[in-house]
Amino acid sequence: MMKKIEEYVRSIPDFPEPGIIFRDVTSILQDADGLHLAIDLMQEKLAGLDFDVVVGAESRGFIFGTPIAYNLHKPFVLVRKKGKLPCETVSMEYDLEYGSATIEMHKDSIKPGQKVVIIDDLIATGGTIEAAIKLIEQLGGEVVKVVFLMELAGLKGRERLAGYDVESVICYEGK
């Protein structure tokens, strides 16, 4: 009998600080059945959806997005940290809990009018994906769906992405 996807997630109490329960995605990746199930469940969220390209944010968005793009015969586009892409880029700065970060995409990675799906492992505050959405839209793309493996609902990232079709496979109520 197959385990449920939640059973593959290792929960680590009081990491990185007291009161936080860290949801570890590596325990899913390290188990062949867990990895297979995670990709299948995320891909199911795209059933019947018309889209042109899959976008994944560095680095775990690459892990889950690439096999989904491969399975559905779609191109895969990278969203990377500043300075990692070799060609002309567009960039977006966004706020982190402490400080800020910048992400980039190749300027030619999204064509005007393309329908885009974003894949990532986790939605917490939603800042990274909000910045990615702005980049995609700046390039003329339309974000038609955002799929996460896990959601930390207590951090209200979904509210930050209001107006977009957001789904998660696993939702944890806390932070």
N, C-alpha and C. Protein backbone atom coordinates (compact mmCIF):
# COMPACT_ATOMS: atom_id res chain seq x y z
N MET A 1 0.84 -1.19 0.00
CA MET A 1 0.00 0.00 0.00
C MET A 1 0.88 1.25 0.00
N MET A 2 0.55 2.17 -0.88
CA MET A 2 1.32 3.41 -0.99
C MET A 2 1.10 4.30 0.22
N LYS A 3 2.19 4.94 0.65
CA LYS A 3 2.08 5.92 1.73
C LYS A 3 1.52 7.22 1.15
N LYS A 4 0.90 8.02 2.02
CA LYS A 4 0.46 9.35 1.62
C LYS A 4 1.67 10.26 1.56
N ILE A 5 1.61 11.29 0.72
CA ILE A 5 2.75 12.18 0.54
C ILE A 5 3.20 12.81 1.87
N GLU A 6 2.26 13.12 2.74
CA GLU A 6 2.60 13.72 4.03
C GLU A 6 3.53 12.83 4.86
N GLU A 7 3.41 11.52 4.67
CA GLU A 7 4.22 10.58 5.44
C GLU A 7 5.69 10.60 5.03
N TYR A 8 5.99 11.18 3.87
CA TYR A 8 7.38 11.27 3.42
C TYR A 8 8.07 12.53 3.95
N VAL A 9 7.30 13.47 4.47
CA VAL A 9 7.87 14.74 4.94
C VAL A 9 8.39 14.58 6.36
N ARG A 10 9.66 14.88 6.53
CA ARG A 10 10.26 14.85 7.87
C ARG A 10 10.00 16.21 8.51
N SER A 11 9.41 16.21 9.71
CA SER A 11 9.15 17.44 10.45
C SER A 11 10.15 17.55 11.59
N ILE A 12 10.86 18.68 11.62
CA ILE A 12 11.92 18.87 12.60
C ILE A 12 11.53 20.02 13.52
N PRO A 13 11.20 19.70 14.79
CA PRO A 13 10.77 20.75 15.71
C PRO A 13 11.92 21.67 16.11
N ASP A 14 11.55 22.94 16.36
CA ASP A 14 12.49 23.95 16.87
C ASP A 14 13.69 24.20 15.96
N PHE A 15 13.46 24.13 14.63
CA PHE A 15 14.49 24.48 13.66
C PHE A 15 13.90 25.44 12.64
N PRO A 16 14.50 26.55 12.32
CA PRO A 16 15.81 27.01 12.78
C PRO A 16 15.78 27.74 14.12
N GLU A 17 14.58 27.88 14.70
CA GLU A 17 14.49 28.52 16.02
C GLU A 17 13.34 27.90 16.80
N PRO A 18 13.33 28.08 18.12
CA PRO A 18 12.26 27.49 18.95
C PRO A 18 10.86 27.89 18.47
N GLY A 19 9.96 26.91 18.48
CA GLY A 19 8.58 27.16 18.09
C GLY A 19 8.29 26.93 16.61
N ILE A 20 9.33 26.78 15.81
CA ILE A 20 9.16 26.53 14.38
C ILE A 20 9.27 25.02 14.13
N ILE A 21 8.37 24.52 13.26
CA ILE A 21 8.49 23.13 12.81
C ILE A 21 8.96 23.19 11.36
N PHE A 22 10.18 22.74 11.11
CA PHE A 22 10.76 22.76 9.77
C PHE A 22 10.24 21.56 8.99
N ARG A 23 9.66 21.82 7.82
CA ARG A 23 9.16 20.74 6.95
C ARG A 23 10.24 20.45 5.90
N ASP A 24 10.87 19.30 6.02
CA ASP A 24 12.04 18.95 5.22
C ASP A 24 11.66 18.22 3.94
N VAL A 25 11.91 18.88 2.80
CA VAL A 25 11.60 18.28 1.50
C VAL A 25 12.62 17.20 1.12
N THR A 26 13.82 17.24 1.71
CA THR A 26 14.84 16.25 1.31
C THR A 26 14.42 14.83 1.63
N SER A 27 13.59 14.64 2.64
CA SER A 27 13.12 13.29 2.97
C SER A 27 12.21 12.74 1.87
N ILE A 28 11.55 13.60 1.13
CA ILE A 28 10.75 13.17 -0.02
C ILE A 28 11.68 12.79 -1.17
N LEU A 29 12.67 13.65 -1.42
CA LEU A 29 13.59 13.44 -2.54
C LEU A 29 14.42 12.18 -2.37
N GLN A 30 14.76 11.82 -1.13
CA GLN A 30 15.62 10.68 -0.84
C GLN A 30 14.90 9.35 -0.93
N ASP A 31 13.60 9.38 -1.16
CA ASP A 31 12.82 8.16 -1.27
C ASP A 31 12.23 8.10 -2.69
N ALA A 32 12.56 7.08 -3.45
CA ALA A 32 12.11 6.99 -4.84
C ALA A 32 10.59 7.08 -4.95
N ASP A 33 9.87 6.39 -4.06
CA ASP A 33 8.40 6.45 -4.10
C ASP A 33 7.90 7.84 -3.74
N GLY A 34 8.54 8.47 -2.76
CA GLY A 34 8.14 9.81 -2.34
C GLY A 34 8.34 10.83 -3.45
N LEU A 35 9.48 10.76 -4.12
CA LEU A 35 9.77 11.67 -5.23
C LEU A 35 8.77 11.47 -6.36
N HIS A 36 8.53 10.24 -6.71
CA HIS A 36 7.58 9.91 -7.78
C HIS A 36 6.19 10.44 -7.44
N LEU A 37 5.75 10.20 -6.22
CA LEU A 37 4.43 10.64 -5.78
C LEU A 37 4.33 12.16 -5.77
N ALA A 38 5.36 12.84 -5.28
CA ALA A 38 5.34 14.30 -5.24
C ALA A 38 5.17 14.90 -6.64
N ILE A 39 5.96 14.40 -7.59
CA ILE A 39 5.87 14.91 -8.96
C ILE A 39 4.51 14.60 -9.57
N ASP A 40 4.02 13.38 -9.37
CA ASP A 40 2.70 13.01 -9.90
C ASP A 40 1.59 13.90 -9.32
N LEU A 41 1.62 14.13 -8.00
CA LEU A 41 0.57 14.93 -7.37
C LEU A 41 0.62 16.39 -7.81
N MET A 42 1.82 16.92 -7.99
CA MET A 42 1.94 18.30 -8.49
C MET A 42 1.46 18.38 -9.93
N GLN A 43 1.85 17.40 -10.73
CA GLN A 43 1.46 17.39 -12.15
C GLN A 43 -0.05 17.25 -12.30
N GLU A 44 -0.70 16.49 -11.41
CA GLU A 44 -2.16 16.34 -11.45
C GLU A 44 -2.87 17.68 -11.35
N LYS A 45 -2.26 18.64 -10.66
CA LYS A 45 -2.86 19.98 -10.49
C LYS A 45 -2.92 20.72 -11.83
N LEU A 46 -2.23 20.23 -12.84
CA LEU A 46 -2.20 20.87 -14.16
C LEU A 46 -3.11 20.17 -15.17
N ALA A 47 -3.82 19.12 -14.76
CA ALA A 47 -4.67 18.35 -15.67
C ALA A 47 -5.67 19.28 -16.36
N GLY A 48 -5.71 19.20 -17.67
CA GLY A 48 -6.67 19.96 -18.46
C GLY A 48 -6.33 21.44 -18.63
N LEU A 49 -5.23 21.88 -18.08
CA LEU A 49 -4.85 23.29 -18.16
C LEU A 49 -4.10 23.57 -19.46
N ASP A 50 -4.46 24.66 -20.13
CA ASP A 50 -3.78 25.09 -21.34
C ASP A 50 -2.63 26.01 -20.94
N PHE A 51 -1.39 25.58 -21.22
CA PHE A 51 -0.24 26.43 -20.93
C PHE A 51 0.90 26.08 -21.87
N ASP A 52 1.88 26.99 -21.94
CA ASP A 52 2.97 26.86 -22.90
C ASP A 52 4.32 26.53 -22.29
N VAL A 53 4.57 26.96 -21.06
CA VAL A 53 5.90 26.85 -20.49
C VAL A 53 5.82 26.66 -18.98
N VAL A 54 6.79 25.92 -18.43
CA VAL A 54 6.93 25.72 -16.99
C VAL A 54 8.11 26.55 -16.51
N VAL A 55 7.90 27.30 -15.43
CA VAL A 55 8.95 28.09 -14.79
C VAL A 55 9.21 27.52 -13.41
N GLY A 56 10.49 27.41 -13.05
CA GLY A 56 10.87 26.95 -11.72
C GLY A 56 11.86 27.89 -11.09
N ALA A 57 11.68 28.15 -9.78
CA ALA A 57 12.58 29.05 -9.05
C ALA A 57 13.70 28.23 -8.42
N GLU A 58 14.90 28.82 -8.43
CA GLU A 58 16.08 28.19 -7.86
C GLU A 58 15.85 27.88 -6.38
N SER A 59 16.21 26.76 -5.91
CA SER A 59 16.72 25.63 -6.67
C SER A 59 15.72 24.47 -6.66
N ARG A 60 14.86 24.42 -5.66
CA ARG A 60 13.96 23.26 -5.59
C ARG A 60 12.84 23.32 -6.62
N GLY A 61 12.55 24.50 -7.15
CA GLY A 61 11.61 24.59 -8.27
C GLY A 61 12.15 23.87 -9.49
N PHE A 62 13.50 23.81 -9.61
CA PHE A 62 14.12 23.07 -10.70
C PHE A 62 13.86 21.57 -10.53
N ILE A 63 13.99 21.10 -9.29
CA ILE A 63 13.87 19.67 -9.00
C ILE A 63 12.48 19.16 -9.38
N PHE A 64 11.44 19.92 -9.04
CA PHE A 64 10.07 19.47 -9.31
C PHE A 64 9.56 19.93 -10.67
N GLY A 65 9.99 21.10 -11.12
CA GLY A 65 9.50 21.65 -12.38
C GLY A 65 10.01 20.94 -13.61
N THR A 66 11.29 20.57 -13.59
CA THR A 66 11.88 19.95 -14.78
C THR A 66 11.20 18.63 -15.16
N PRO A 67 10.99 17.69 -14.22
CA PRO A 67 10.32 16.45 -14.63
C PRO A 67 8.88 16.68 -15.08
N ILE A 68 8.21 17.66 -14.51
CA ILE A 68 6.85 17.97 -14.95
C ILE A 68 6.88 18.51 -16.38
N ALA A 69 7.80 19.43 -16.66
CA ALA A 69 7.94 19.95 -18.02
C ALA A 69 8.27 18.82 -18.99
N TYR A 70 9.18 17.96 -18.59
CA TYR A 70 9.56 16.81 -19.42
C TYR A 70 8.36 15.91 -19.70
N ASN A 71 7.63 15.55 -18.66
CA ASN A 71 6.48 14.65 -18.81
C ASN A 71 5.42 15.24 -19.73
N LEU A 72 5.23 16.55 -19.67
CA LEU A 72 4.17 17.21 -20.45
C LEU A 72 4.70 17.82 -21.75
N HIS A 73 5.96 17.55 -22.05
CA HIS A 73 6.63 18.04 -23.27
C HIS A 73 6.50 19.55 -23.41
N LYS A 74 6.88 20.26 -22.35
CA LYS A 74 6.88 21.73 -22.32
C LYS A 74 8.30 22.21 -22.06
N PRO A 75 8.62 23.42 -22.53
CA PRO A 75 9.93 23.97 -22.18
C PRO A 75 9.99 24.33 -20.70
N PHE A 76 11.21 24.35 -20.16
CA PHE A 76 11.42 24.71 -18.75
C PHE A 76 12.30 25.96 -18.69
N VAL A 77 11.86 26.93 -17.91
CA VAL A 77 12.57 28.21 -17.77
C VAL A 77 13.04 28.38 -16.33
N LEU A 78 14.29 28.81 -16.19
CA LEU A 78 14.90 29.00 -14.87
C LEU A 78 14.70 30.41 -14.35
N VAL A 79 14.35 30.51 -13.07
CA VAL A 79 14.44 31.76 -12.32
C VAL A 79 15.60 31.56 -11.36
N ARG A 80 16.63 32.41 -11.48
CA ARG A 80 17.85 32.20 -10.70
C ARG A 80 18.19 33.42 -9.85
N LYS A 81 19.08 33.17 -8.91
CA LYS A 81 19.63 34.26 -8.12
C LYS A 81 20.47 35.15 -9.04
N LYS A 82 20.58 36.41 -8.67
CA LYS A 82 21.31 37.39 -9.47
C LYS A 82 22.73 36.92 -9.79
N GLY A 83 23.14 37.12 -11.07
CA GLY A 83 24.50 36.83 -11.49
C GLY A 83 24.77 35.41 -11.94
N LYS A 84 23.75 34.57 -12.03
CA LYS A 84 23.95 33.16 -12.37
C LYS A 84 23.62 32.83 -13.83
N LEU A 85 22.93 33.73 -14.53
CA LEU A 85 22.53 33.46 -15.91
C LEU A 85 23.47 34.18 -16.88
N PRO A 86 23.89 33.51 -17.97
CA PRO A 86 24.94 34.05 -18.83
C PRO A 86 24.49 35.06 -19.88
N CYS A 87 23.22 35.10 -20.24
CA CYS A 87 22.76 35.99 -21.31
C CYS A 87 22.07 37.21 -20.71
N GLU A 88 21.50 38.04 -21.58
CA GLU A 88 20.83 39.25 -21.10
C GLU A 88 19.63 38.88 -20.23
N THR A 89 19.50 39.54 -19.08
CA THR A 89 18.46 39.18 -18.12
C THR A 89 17.57 40.37 -17.78
N VAL A 90 16.44 40.04 -17.17
CA VAL A 90 15.61 41.00 -16.45
C VAL A 90 15.68 40.57 -15.00
N SER A 91 15.61 41.54 -14.09
CA SER A 91 15.76 41.21 -12.67
C SER A 91 14.69 41.89 -11.84
N MET A 92 14.48 41.34 -10.65
CA MET A 92 13.50 41.87 -9.71
C MET A 92 14.04 41.69 -8.30
N GLU A 93 14.06 42.77 -7.56
CA GLU A 93 14.46 42.72 -6.16
C GLU A 93 13.21 42.54 -5.31
N TYR A 94 13.34 41.80 -4.23
CA TYR A 94 12.21 41.59 -3.33
C TYR A 94 12.72 41.48 -1.91
N ASP A 95 11.82 41.69 -0.97
CA ASP A 95 12.20 41.68 0.44
C ASP A 95 12.15 40.28 1.02
N LEU A 96 13.13 40.01 1.86
CA LEU A 96 13.18 38.79 2.65
C LEU A 96 12.87 39.16 4.09
N GLU A 97 12.78 38.17 4.94
CA GLU A 97 12.53 38.44 6.35
C GLU A 97 13.60 39.39 6.91
N TYR A 98 14.84 39.16 6.53
CA TYR A 98 15.94 40.04 6.92
C TYR A 98 16.69 40.43 5.67
N GLY A 99 16.47 41.66 5.16
CA GLY A 99 17.17 42.12 3.98
C GLY A 99 16.38 41.94 2.70
N SER A 100 17.11 41.76 1.59
CA SER A 100 16.45 41.61 0.30
C SER A 100 17.25 40.65 -0.58
N ALA A 101 16.65 40.27 -1.69
CA ALA A 101 17.30 39.38 -2.66
C ALA A 101 16.89 39.83 -4.05
N THR A 102 17.62 39.37 -5.04
CA THR A 102 17.30 39.68 -6.44
C THR A 102 17.29 38.38 -7.23
N ILE A 103 16.25 38.22 -8.06
CA ILE A 103 16.18 37.07 -8.96
C ILE A 103 16.20 37.58 -10.39
N GLU A 104 16.58 36.68 -11.30
CA GLU A 104 16.68 37.03 -12.71
C GLU A 104 16.14 35.92 -13.60
N MET A 105 15.76 36.33 -14.80
CA MET A 105 15.39 35.41 -15.88
C MET A 105 16.05 35.92 -17.15
N HIS A 106 16.34 35.02 -18.07
CA HIS A 106 16.82 35.46 -19.38
C HIS A 106 15.71 36.28 -20.05
N LYS A 107 16.12 37.35 -20.69
CA LYS A 107 15.17 38.26 -21.33
C LYS A 107 14.36 37.56 -22.42
N ASP A 108 14.95 36.54 -23.05
CA ASP A 108 14.27 35.84 -24.15
C ASP A 108 13.58 34.54 -23.70
N SER A 109 13.46 34.31 -22.40
CA SER A 109 12.94 33.02 -21.92
C SER A 109 11.42 32.90 -21.99
N ILE A 110 10.73 34.02 -21.92
CA ILE A 110 9.27 34.04 -22.03
C ILE A 110 8.90 34.93 -23.19
N LYS A 111 8.06 34.42 -24.08
CA LYS A 111 7.61 35.20 -25.23
C LYS A 111 6.27 35.86 -24.90
N PRO A 112 6.04 37.08 -25.42
CA PRO A 112 4.76 37.74 -25.16
C PRO A 112 3.58 36.84 -25.50
N GLY A 113 2.61 36.77 -24.59
CA GLY A 113 1.41 35.96 -24.80
C GLY A 113 1.50 34.53 -24.32
N GLN A 114 2.72 34.08 -23.94
CA GLN A 114 2.83 32.70 -23.47
C GLN A 114 2.11 32.53 -22.13
N LYS A 115 1.45 31.38 -21.99
CA LYS A 115 0.79 31.01 -20.74
C LYS A 115 1.78 30.21 -19.90
N VAL A 116 1.96 30.65 -18.66
CA VAL A 116 3.04 30.13 -17.82
C VAL A 116 2.50 29.46 -16.56
N VAL A 117 3.11 28.33 -16.22
CA VAL A 117 2.88 27.64 -14.95
C VAL A 117 4.17 27.76 -14.14
N ILE A 118 4.05 28.12 -12.86
CA ILE A 118 5.21 28.18 -11.97
C ILE A 118 5.13 27.00 -11.01
N ILE A 119 6.27 26.33 -10.84
CA ILE A 119 6.37 25.18 -9.93
C ILE A 119 7.42 25.49 -8.87
N ASP A 120 7.10 25.23 -7.60
CA ASP A 120 8.09 25.37 -6.54
C ASP A 120 7.77 24.39 -5.42
N ASP A 121 8.73 24.19 -4.54
CA ASP A 121 8.54 23.20 -3.48
C ASP A 121 7.69 23.73 -2.34
N LEU A 122 7.81 25.04 -2.05
CA LEU A 122 7.22 25.55 -0.81
C LEU A 122 6.76 27.00 -0.96
N ILE A 123 5.59 27.31 -0.45
CA ILE A 123 5.18 28.70 -0.32
C ILE A 123 5.15 29.03 1.17
N ALA A 124 5.94 30.03 1.52
CA ALA A 124 5.97 30.54 2.89
C ALA A 124 5.36 31.94 2.85
N THR A 125 6.19 32.98 2.70
CA THR A 125 5.65 34.35 2.62
C THR A 125 5.23 34.71 1.20
N GLY A 126 5.71 33.95 0.20
CA GLY A 126 5.32 34.20 -1.19
C GLY A 126 6.17 35.23 -1.92
N GLY A 127 7.19 35.77 -1.28
CA GLY A 127 7.98 36.84 -1.88
C GLY A 127 8.73 36.46 -3.14
N THR A 128 9.35 35.29 -3.15
CA THR A 128 10.12 34.85 -4.32
C THR A 128 9.20 34.68 -5.52
N ILE A 129 8.07 34.01 -5.32
CA ILE A 129 7.18 33.74 -6.44
C ILE A 129 6.46 35.02 -6.89
N GLU A 130 6.16 35.91 -5.96
CA GLU A 130 5.58 37.20 -6.35
C GLU A 130 6.56 37.94 -7.28
N ALA A 131 7.85 37.93 -6.94
CA ALA A 131 8.87 38.56 -7.79
C ALA A 131 8.97 37.84 -9.14
N ALA A 132 8.90 36.52 -9.14
CA ALA A 132 8.95 35.76 -10.40
C ALA A 132 7.75 36.10 -11.29
N ILE A 133 6.58 36.22 -10.68
CA ILE A 133 5.38 36.59 -11.45
C ILE A 133 5.57 37.95 -12.11
N LYS A 134 6.12 38.90 -11.37
CA LYS A 134 6.37 40.24 -11.93
C LYS A 134 7.32 40.16 -13.13
N LEU A 135 8.37 39.33 -13.03
CA LEU A 135 9.30 39.17 -14.15
C LEU A 135 8.61 38.56 -15.36
N ILE A 136 7.83 37.52 -15.14
CA ILE A 136 7.10 36.85 -16.24
C ILE A 136 6.17 37.84 -16.93
N GLU A 137 5.46 38.62 -16.14
CA GLU A 137 4.53 39.60 -16.71
C GLU A 137 5.28 40.73 -17.42
N GLN A 138 6.42 41.11 -16.90
CA GLN A 138 7.26 42.13 -17.54
C GLN A 138 7.70 41.67 -18.94
N LEU A 139 7.91 40.37 -19.08
CA LEU A 139 8.29 39.80 -20.37
C LEU A 139 7.09 39.52 -21.27
N GLY A 140 5.88 39.78 -20.79
CA GLY A 140 4.68 39.60 -21.60
C GLY A 140 3.98 38.28 -21.41
N GLY A 141 4.45 37.47 -20.44
CA GLY A 141 3.80 36.19 -20.17
C GLY A 141 2.60 36.35 -19.25
N GLU A 142 1.75 35.33 -19.25
CA GLU A 142 0.57 35.30 -18.39
C GLU A 142 0.68 34.08 -17.47
N VAL A 143 0.71 34.33 -16.16
CA VAL A 143 0.78 33.23 -15.20
C VAL A 143 -0.62 32.65 -15.03
N VAL A 144 -0.79 31.40 -15.47
CA VAL A 144 -2.11 30.77 -15.42
C VAL A 144 -2.27 29.83 -14.21
N LYS A 145 -1.13 29.47 -13.56
CA LYS A 145 -1.23 28.62 -12.37
C LYS A 145 0.12 28.60 -11.66
N VAL A 146 0.04 28.48 -10.32
CA VAL A 146 1.23 28.31 -9.49
C VAL A 146 0.98 27.09 -8.62
N VAL A 147 1.91 26.13 -8.67
CA VAL A 147 1.74 24.88 -7.91
C VAL A 147 2.93 24.70 -6.97
N PHE A 148 2.60 24.45 -5.70
CA PHE A 148 3.60 24.19 -4.67
C PHE A 148 3.39 22.79 -4.12
N LEU A 149 4.47 22.15 -3.72
CA LEU A 149 4.34 20.87 -3.04
C LEU A 149 3.80 21.11 -1.63
N MET A 150 4.37 22.09 -0.91
CA MET A 150 3.97 22.36 0.47
C MET A 150 3.63 23.83 0.66
N GLU A 151 2.69 24.08 1.55
CA GLU A 151 2.29 25.44 1.90
C GLU A 151 2.30 25.59 3.42
N LEU A 152 2.93 26.66 3.87
CA LEU A 152 2.89 27.03 5.29
C LEU A 152 1.86 28.15 5.42
N ALA A 153 0.61 27.76 5.65
CA ALA A 153 -0.51 28.71 5.59
C ALA A 153 -0.38 29.85 6.59
N GLY A 154 0.25 29.57 7.73
CA GLY A 154 0.39 30.60 8.76
C GLY A 154 1.22 31.79 8.34
N LEU A 155 2.01 31.65 7.28
CA LEU A 155 2.84 32.77 6.79
C LEU A 155 2.14 33.60 5.72
N LYS A 156 0.91 33.19 5.35
CA LYS A 156 0.03 33.97 4.49
C LYS A 156 0.58 34.31 3.10
N GLY A 157 1.43 33.45 2.55
CA GLY A 157 1.96 33.67 1.21
C GLY A 157 0.89 33.66 0.14
N ARG A 158 -0.14 32.88 0.35
CA ARG A 158 -1.24 32.80 -0.63
C ARG A 158 -1.92 34.16 -0.79
N GLU A 159 -2.03 34.90 0.32
CA GLU A 159 -2.64 36.24 0.26
C GLU A 159 -1.81 37.16 -0.63
N ARG A 160 -0.50 37.03 -0.57
CA ARG A 160 0.40 37.84 -1.37
C ARG A 160 0.23 37.54 -2.86
N LEU A 161 -0.23 36.33 -3.18
CA LEU A 161 -0.43 35.92 -4.57
C LEU A 161 -1.91 35.95 -4.96
N ALA A 162 -2.71 36.73 -4.23
CA ALA A 162 -4.14 36.86 -4.51
C ALA A 162 -4.34 37.27 -5.96
N GLY A 163 -5.34 36.69 -6.60
CA GLY A 163 -5.60 36.99 -8.00
C GLY A 163 -4.98 35.97 -8.94
N TYR A 164 -4.16 35.07 -8.40
CA TYR A 164 -3.55 34.02 -9.20
C TYR A 164 -4.11 32.68 -8.74
N ASP A 165 -4.13 31.71 -9.64
CA ASP A 165 -4.58 30.36 -9.34
C ASP A 165 -3.42 29.63 -8.65
N VAL A 166 -3.53 29.50 -7.32
CA VAL A 166 -2.47 28.90 -6.50
C VAL A 166 -2.99 27.60 -5.88
N GLU A 167 -2.22 26.53 -6.03
CA GLU A 167 -2.57 25.26 -5.40
C GLU A 167 -1.36 24.66 -4.72
N SER A 168 -1.61 23.97 -3.63
CA SER A 168 -0.54 23.22 -2.96
C SER A 168 -1.02 21.80 -2.73
N VAL A 169 -0.07 20.88 -2.76
CA VAL A 169 -0.38 19.46 -2.54
C VAL A 169 -0.61 19.22 -1.05
N ILE A 170 0.27 19.79 -0.20
CA ILE A 170 0.18 19.63 1.25
C ILE A 170 0.07 21.02 1.86
N CYS A 171 -0.87 21.20 2.78
CA CYS A 171 -0.99 22.50 3.47
C CYS A 171 -0.86 22.29 4.97
N TYR A 172 0.13 22.98 5.55
CA TYR A 172 0.31 22.98 6.99
C TYR A 172 -0.24 24.30 7.53
N GLU A 173 -1.03 24.22 8.58
CA GLU A 173 -1.68 25.41 9.11
C GLU A 173 -0.72 26.40 9.74
N GLY A 174 0.37 25.93 10.31
CA GLY A 174 1.28 26.81 11.05
C GLY A 174 2.30 27.50 10.16
N LYS A 175 3.41 27.87 10.81
CA LYS A 175 4.51 28.54 10.13
C LYS A 175 5.62 27.55 9.91
